[in-house]
C-alpha atoms as a PDB file:
ATOM      1  CA  MET A   1       0.000   0.000   0.000  1.00  0.00           C
ATOM      2  CA  PRO A   2       1.626   3.304  -0.998  1.00  0.00           C
ATOM      3  CA  ALA A   3       1.747   6.225   1.424  1.00  0.00           C
ATOM      4  CA  PHE A   4      -0.783   9.045   1.090  1.00  0.00           C
ATOM      5  CA  PRO A   5       0.061  11.512  -1.693  1.00  0.00           C
ATOM      6  CA  SER A   6       0.163  14.500   0.702  1.00  0.00           C
ATOM      7  CA  ALA A   7       1.426  12.622   3.740  1.00  0.00           C
ATOM      8  CA  LEU A   8       2.898  14.453   6.705  1.00  0.00           C
ATOM      9  CA  CYS A   9       4.935  11.323   7.491  1.00  0.00           C
ATOM     10  CA  PRO A  10       6.347  10.266   4.126  1.00  0.00           C
ATOM     11  CA  LEU A  11       8.290   7.089   3.595  1.00  0.00           C
ATOM     12  CA  PRO A  12      12.095   7.357   3.465  1.00  0.00           C
ATOM     13  CA  SER A  13      13.543   8.094   0.048  1.00  0.00           C
ATOM     14  CA  PRO A  14      15.494   5.340  -1.733  1.00  0.00           C
ATOM     15  CA  ARG A  15      18.716   7.309  -1.132  1.00  0.00           C
ATOM     16  CA  GLY A  16      18.423   6.897   2.623  1.00  0.00           C
ATOM     17  CA  GLY A  17      17.081  10.292   3.728  1.00  0.00           C
ATOM     18  CA  ASN A  18      13.510  11.431   4.218  1.00  0.00           C
ATOM     19  CA  SER A  19      11.703  13.560   1.678  1.00  0.00           C
ATOM     20  CA  SER A  20      11.486  17.314   2.205  1.00  0.00           C
ATOM     21  CA  GLN A  21       8.091  16.955   3.951  1.00  0.00           C
ATOM     22  CA  ALA A  22       9.467  14.766   6.748  1.00  0.00           C
ATOM     23  CA  ASP A  23       8.621  15.770  10.310  1.00  0.00           C
ATOM     24  CA  GLN A  24       6.298  18.614   9.327  1.00  0.00           C
ATOM     25  CA  GLY A  25       3.725  19.519  11.928  1.00  0.00           C
ATOM     26  CA  PRO A  26       3.262  18.100  15.424  1.00  0.00           C
ATOM     27  CA  ARG A  27       2.556  14.569  14.188  1.00  0.00           C
ATOM     28  CA  GLY A  28       5.655  14.295  11.999  1.00  0.00           C
ATOM     29  CA  GLY A  29       7.815  13.003  14.864  1.00  0.00           C
ATOM     30  CA  SER A  30       5.690   9.853  15.204  1.00  0.00           C
ATOM     31  CA  CYS A  31       6.626   8.410  11.815  1.00  0.00           C
ATOM     32  CA  ASN A  32       8.060   4.909  11.926  1.00  0.00           C
ATOM     33  CA  LYS A  33       7.141   4.532  15.605  1.00  0.00           C
ATOM     34  CA  ASP A  34       4.694   2.127  17.198  1.00  0.00           C
ATOM     35  CA  VAL A  35       1.352   3.757  17.992  1.00  0.00           C
ATOM     36  CA  PHE A  36      -2.001   2.831  19.546  1.00  0.00           C
ATOM     37  CA  VAL A  37      -5.123   4.164  17.820  1.00  0.00           C
ATOM     38  CA  ARG A  38      -8.444   4.011  19.652  1.00  0.00           C
ATOM     39  CA  LEU A  39     -11.654   4.480  17.661  1.00  0.00           C
ATOM     40  CA  LYS A  40     -13.988   6.959  19.318  1.00  0.00           C
ATOM     41  CA  TRP A  41     -17.267   5.054  18.951  1.00  0.00           C
ATOM     42  CA  ASN A  42     -16.347   1.725  20.546  1.00  0.00           C
ATOM     43  CA  GLU A  43     -13.633  -0.171  22.408  1.00  0.00           C
ATOM     44  CA  THR A  44     -11.621  -1.051  19.301  1.00  0.00           C
ATOM     45  CA  GLU A  45      -7.904  -0.218  19.256  1.00  0.00           C
ATOM     46  CA  TYR A  46      -5.199  -0.783  16.679  1.00  0.00           C
ATOM     47  CA  LYS A  47      -1.505  -1.135  17.437  1.00  0.00           C
ATOM     48  CA  GLY A  48       1.051  -0.838  14.663  1.00  0.00           C
ATOM     49  CA  ARG A  49       3.897   1.116  13.122  1.00  0.00           C
ATOM     50  CA  LEU A  50       2.810   4.517  11.776  1.00  0.00           C
ATOM     51  CA  VAL A  51       3.720   4.633   8.093  1.00  0.00           C
ATOM     52  CA  SER A  52       1.800   7.705   7.022  1.00  0.00           C
ATOM     53  CA  ILE A  53      -0.662  10.342   8.217  1.00  0.00           C
ATOM     54  CA  ASP A  54      -2.320  13.139   6.263  1.00  0.00           C
ATOM     55  CA  SER A  55      -3.867  16.487   7.163  1.00  0.00           C
ATOM     56  CA  TYR A  56      -7.285  14.814   7.635  1.00  0.00           C
ATOM     57  CA  MET A  57      -5.802  12.437  10.264  1.00  0.00           C
ATOM     58  CA  ASN A  58      -6.147   9.392   7.993  1.00  0.00           C
ATOM     59  CA  LEU A  59      -3.589   6.859   9.227  1.00  0.00           C
ATOM     60  CA  GLN A  60      -1.647   4.095   7.536  1.00  0.00           C
ATOM     61  CA  LEU A  61      -0.252   1.407   9.864  1.00  0.00           C
ATOM     62  CA  SER A  62       1.962  -1.562   9.099  1.00  0.00           C
ATOM     63  CA  GLY A  63       2.077  -4.702  11.231  1.00  0.00           C
ATOM     64  CA  ALA A  64      -1.301  -3.728  12.682  1.00  0.00           C
ATOM     65  CA  GLN A  65      -2.970  -5.727  15.432  1.00  0.00           C
ATOM     66  CA  GLU A  66      -6.580  -5.306  16.541  1.00  0.00           C
ATOM     67  CA  TYR A  67      -7.738  -5.204  20.163  1.00  0.00           C
ATOM     68  CA  VAL A  68     -11.369  -5.134  21.318  1.00  0.00           C
ATOM     69  CA  ASN A  69     -11.999  -4.392  24.998  1.00  0.00           C
ATOM     70  CA  GLN A  70      -8.217  -4.605  25.500  1.00  0.00           C
ATOM     71  CA  LYS A  71      -8.161  -8.217  24.231  1.00  0.00           C
ATOM     72  CA  PHE A  72      -6.112  -9.207  21.188  1.00  0.00           C
ATOM     73  CA  THR A  73      -8.408 -10.259  18.340  1.00  0.00           C
ATOM     74  CA  GLY A  74      -5.953 -10.730  15.473  1.00  0.00           C
ATOM     75  CA  SER A  75      -3.131  -9.508  13.267  1.00  0.00           C
ATOM     76  CA  LEU A  76      -4.200  -7.446  10.261  1.00  0.00           C
ATOM     77  CA  GLY A  77      -0.938  -6.469   8.587  1.00  0.00           C
ATOM     78  CA  GLU A  78      -1.128  -3.181   6.671  1.00  0.00           C
ATOM     79  CA  VAL A  79      -4.262  -1.099   7.323  1.00  0.00           C
ATOM     80  CA  LEU A  80      -5.691   2.303   6.466  1.00  0.00           C
ATOM     81  CA  ILE A  81      -7.806   4.034   9.113  1.00  0.00           C
ATOM     82  CA  ARG A  82      -9.872   6.647   7.364  1.00  0.00           C
ATOM     83  CA  CYS A  83     -11.399   9.561   9.259  1.00  0.00           C
ATOM     84  CA  LYS A  84     -14.656  11.075   8.083  1.00  0.00           C
END
């Protein structure tokens, strides 16, 4: 899954550095770190490595795991959490 076109946390460039948008804004420092994301309407949480985030707070996670009521329910791999 490619990163968002206007991502605030872009993937590293093939030459080893980050693109010029790296670490923009307050969320930029969370790129490539493990995060927990809790959905606001129920007890569902996702744990994974933050790959990308855009200005709408859409998130792309790799190695994602799902937890419901703080109980592990399964590994999902790469996921996109879309905010409306």
